[in-house]
Amino acid sequence: MGPPTQETQLMTVKDLICPISKSWNREKIATYLPQYQSEIFQFRPSRFVARDKFIWLPTKSGDYSTKTGYYAAKTLRNLHTQVPPQPVTSIGTQRYGKRNAPRKLSFSY
């Protein structure tokens, strides 16, 4: 596919829809997105002209707020930080036995 050309860099979905019939412009899709033709043709374009809008998926209303953004970020962070517990291993104690060393060591130069 490669980087967009000057002709296609500002192209949006509406540019792939015939303005008269409100159906896919198959020629443009075959030219610009041949590898995605089958997936694109599974969607039927709306016959009504509606403006695109952003929808915040984590809420039922689709509206974003600082509160919902904070909650989504916190949820994602919790998902990424939940690591299954690892078995505790102690290096060296099985082979050499426990050492009588002070808990805190200080080095001076």
C-alpha atoms as a PDB file:
ATOM      1  CA  MET A   1       0.000   0.000   0.000  1.00  0.00           C
ATOM      2  CA  GLY A   2       2.750   2.447   0.892  1.00  0.00           C
ATOM      3  CA  PRO A   3       2.494   6.062   1.932  1.00  0.00           C
ATOM      4  CA  PRO A   4      -0.405   8.121   0.580  1.00  0.00           C
ATOM      5  CA  THR A   5       0.097  10.006  -2.623  1.00  0.00           C
ATOM      6  CA  GLN A   6      -0.713  13.693  -2.978  1.00  0.00           C
ATOM      7  CA  GLU A   7      -3.958  12.651  -4.665  1.00  0.00           C
ATOM      8  CA  THR A   8      -5.031  10.310  -1.847  1.00  0.00           C
ATOM      9  CA  GLN A   9      -3.637  11.881   1.321  1.00  0.00           C
ATOM     10  CA  LEU A  10      -6.804  13.865   2.045  1.00  0.00           C
ATOM     11  CA  MET A  11      -9.213  11.168   0.865  1.00  0.00           C
ATOM     12  CA  THR A  12     -12.019  10.139   3.214  1.00  0.00           C
ATOM     13  CA  VAL A  13     -14.696   7.448   3.059  1.00  0.00           C
ATOM     14  CA  LYS A  14     -17.152   9.828   1.380  1.00  0.00           C
ATOM     15  CA  ASP A  15     -14.717  10.047  -1.555  1.00  0.00           C
ATOM     16  CA  LEU A  16     -15.244   6.313  -2.126  1.00  0.00           C
ATOM     17  CA  ILE A  17     -19.031   6.678  -2.346  1.00  0.00           C
ATOM     18  CA  CYS A  18     -20.844   7.740  -5.510  1.00  0.00           C
ATOM     19  CA  PRO A  19     -22.684  11.006  -4.680  1.00  0.00           C
ATOM     20  CA  ILE A  20     -25.614  10.162  -6.986  1.00  0.00           C
ATOM     21  CA  SER A  21     -26.345   6.519  -6.211  1.00  0.00           C
ATOM     22  CA  LYS A  22     -24.964   6.610  -2.631  1.00  0.00           C
ATOM     23  CA  SER A  23     -23.271   3.258  -3.270  1.00  0.00           C
ATOM     24  CA  TRP A  24     -19.604   2.316  -3.288  1.00  0.00           C
ATOM     25  CA  ASN A  25     -17.556   3.633  -6.179  1.00  0.00           C
ATOM     26  CA  ARG A  26     -16.134   0.223  -7.072  1.00  0.00           C
ATOM     27  CA  GLU A  27     -13.635   1.657  -9.548  1.00  0.00           C
ATOM     28  CA  LYS A  28     -12.029   3.926  -6.939  1.00  0.00           C
ATOM     29  CA  ILE A  29     -11.906   1.174  -4.352  1.00  0.00           C
ATOM     30  CA  ALA A  30     -10.319  -1.199  -6.855  1.00  0.00           C
ATOM     31  CA  THR A  31      -7.761   1.499  -7.718  1.00  0.00           C
ATOM     32  CA  TYR A  32      -6.851   2.772  -4.262  1.00  0.00           C
ATOM     33  CA  LEU A  33      -7.699  -0.069  -1.859  1.00  0.00           C
ATOM     34  CA  PRO A  34      -7.728  -3.338  -3.807  1.00  0.00           C
ATOM     35  CA  GLN A  35      -6.561  -5.400  -0.815  1.00  0.00           C
ATOM     36  CA  TYR A  36      -9.578  -4.233   1.257  1.00  0.00           C
ATOM     37  CA  GLN A  37     -12.333  -4.587  -1.353  1.00  0.00           C
ATOM     38  CA  SER A  38     -14.059  -7.579   0.216  1.00  0.00           C
ATOM     39  CA  GLU A  39     -14.124  -5.981   3.677  1.00  0.00           C
ATOM     40  CA  ILE A  40     -15.335  -2.613   2.357  1.00  0.00           C
ATOM     41  CA  PHE A  41     -18.147  -4.164   0.320  1.00  0.00           C
ATOM     42  CA  GLN A  42     -19.490  -5.883   3.447  1.00  0.00           C
ATOM     43  CA  PHE A  43     -20.589  -2.438   4.675  1.00  0.00           C
ATOM     44  CA  ARG A  44     -23.552  -0.718   3.091  1.00  0.00           C
ATOM     45  CA  PRO A  45     -23.187   3.048   2.885  1.00  0.00           C
ATOM     46  CA  SER A  46     -26.034   5.063   4.336  1.00  0.00           C
ATOM     47  CA  ARG A  47     -28.381   6.662   1.846  1.00  0.00           C
ATOM     48  CA  PHE A  48     -28.831   9.616   4.201  1.00  0.00           C
ATOM     49  CA  VAL A  49     -26.223  12.322   4.356  1.00  0.00           C
ATOM     50  CA  ALA A  50     -25.007  12.596   7.921  1.00  0.00           C
ATOM     51  CA  ARG A  51     -21.980  14.346   9.314  1.00  0.00           C
ATOM     52  CA  ASP A  52     -19.296  12.207  10.865  1.00  0.00           C
ATOM     53  CA  LYS A  53     -18.820  12.571  14.579  1.00  0.00           C
ATOM     54  CA  PHE A  54     -16.584  11.244  17.292  1.00  0.00           C
ATOM     55  CA  ILE A  55     -18.026   8.719  19.717  1.00  0.00           C
ATOM     56  CA  TRP A  56     -16.420   7.806  23.058  1.00  0.00           C
ATOM     57  CA  LEU A  57     -16.976   4.044  23.137  1.00  0.00           C
ATOM     58  CA  PRO A  58     -16.453   3.480  26.881  1.00  0.00           C
ATOM     59  CA  THR A  59     -19.743   5.296  27.651  1.00  0.00           C
ATOM     60  CA  LYS A  60     -23.308   4.411  26.664  1.00  0.00           C
ATOM     61  CA  SER A  61     -24.033   7.983  25.603  1.00  0.00           C
ATOM     62  CA  GLY A  62     -20.879   8.259  23.482  1.00  0.00           C
ATOM     63  CA  ASP A  63     -19.921  11.492  25.235  1.00  0.00           C
ATOM     64  CA  TYR A  64     -16.420  12.083  26.596  1.00  0.00           C
ATOM     65  CA  SER A  65     -15.739  13.729  29.931  1.00  0.00           C
ATOM     66  CA  THR A  66     -12.653  14.067  32.076  1.00  0.00           C
ATOM     67  CA  LYS A  67     -14.211  11.623  34.520  1.00  0.00           C
ATOM     68  CA  THR A  68     -14.803   8.933  31.879  1.00  0.00           C
ATOM     69  CA  GLY A  69     -11.339   9.493  30.405  1.00  0.00           C
ATOM     70  CA  TYR A  70      -9.730   9.119  33.824  1.00  0.00           C
ATOM     71  CA  TYR A  71     -11.743   5.964  34.510  1.00  0.00           C
ATOM     72  CA  ALA A  72     -10.784   4.437  31.134  1.00  0.00           C
ATOM     73  CA  ALA A  73      -7.093   5.236  31.688  1.00  0.00           C
ATOM     74  CA  LYS A  74      -7.201   3.771  35.200  1.00  0.00           C
ATOM     75  CA  THR A  75      -8.905   0.608  33.925  1.00  0.00           C
ATOM     76  CA  LEU A  76      -6.320   0.162  31.175  1.00  0.00           C
ATOM     77  CA  ARG A  77      -3.475   0.729  33.601  1.00  0.00           C
ATOM     78  CA  ASN A  78      -4.904  -1.882  35.959  1.00  0.00           C
ATOM     79  CA  LEU A  79      -5.227  -4.372  33.112  1.00  0.00           C
ATOM     80  CA  HIS A  80      -1.597  -3.871  32.107  1.00  0.00           C
ATOM     81  CA  THR A  81      -0.208  -4.014  35.638  1.00  0.00           C
ATOM     82  CA  GLN A  82      -1.985  -7.190  36.663  1.00  0.00           C
ATOM     83  CA  VAL A  83       0.793  -9.701  36.204  1.00  0.00           C
ATOM     84  CA  PRO A  84       0.314 -13.258  37.376  1.00  0.00           C
ATOM     85  CA  PRO A  85       2.267 -13.889  40.570  1.00  0.00           C
ATOM     86  CA  GLN A  86       5.706 -15.302  39.976  1.00  0.00           C
ATOM     87  CA  PRO A  87       7.096 -18.022  42.210  1.00  0.00           C
ATOM     88  CA  VAL A  88       9.452 -16.626  44.807  1.00  0.00           C
ATOM     89  CA  THR A  89      12.924 -17.993  44.399  1.00  0.00           C
ATOM     90  CA  SER A  90      15.958 -17.257  46.439  1.00  0.00           C
ATOM     91  CA  ILE A  91      19.229 -17.291  44.608  1.00  0.00           C
ATOM     92  CA  GLY A  92      22.097 -19.009  46.296  1.00  0.00           C
ATOM     93  CA  THR A  93      20.484 -20.157  49.539  1.00  0.00           C
ATOM     94  CA  GLN A  94      19.912 -23.679  48.312  1.00  0.00           C
ATOM     95  CA  ARG A  95      23.451 -24.132  47.083  1.00  0.00           C
ATOM     96  CA  TYR A  96      25.377 -22.249  49.737  1.00  0.00           C
ATOM     97  CA  GLY A  97      23.018 -22.109  52.694  1.00  0.00           C
ATOM     98  CA  LYS A  98      21.888 -19.022  54.542  1.00  0.00           C
ATOM     99  CA  ARG A  99      24.451 -16.328  55.203  1.00  0.00           C
ATOM    100  CA  ASN A 100      24.764 -14.398  58.409  1.00  0.00           C
ATOM    101  CA  ALA A 101      24.970 -10.947  56.915  1.00  0.00           C
ATOM    102  CA  PRO A 102      23.696  -7.685  58.301  1.00  0.00           C
ATOM    103  CA  ARG A 103      20.430  -6.472  56.822  1.00  0.00           C
ATOM    104  CA  LYS A 104      21.862  -3.125  55.779  1.00  0.00           C
ATOM    105  CA  LEU A 105      25.259  -2.796  54.169  1.00  0.00           C
ATOM    106  CA  SER A 106      27.135   0.448  53.775  1.00  0.00           C
ATOM    107  CA  PHE A 107      30.188   1.023  51.671  1.00  0.00           C
ATOM    108  CA  SER A 108      32.680   3.804  52.179  1.00  0.00           C
ATOM    109  CA  TYR A 109      35.440   4.805  49.806  1.00  0.00           C
END
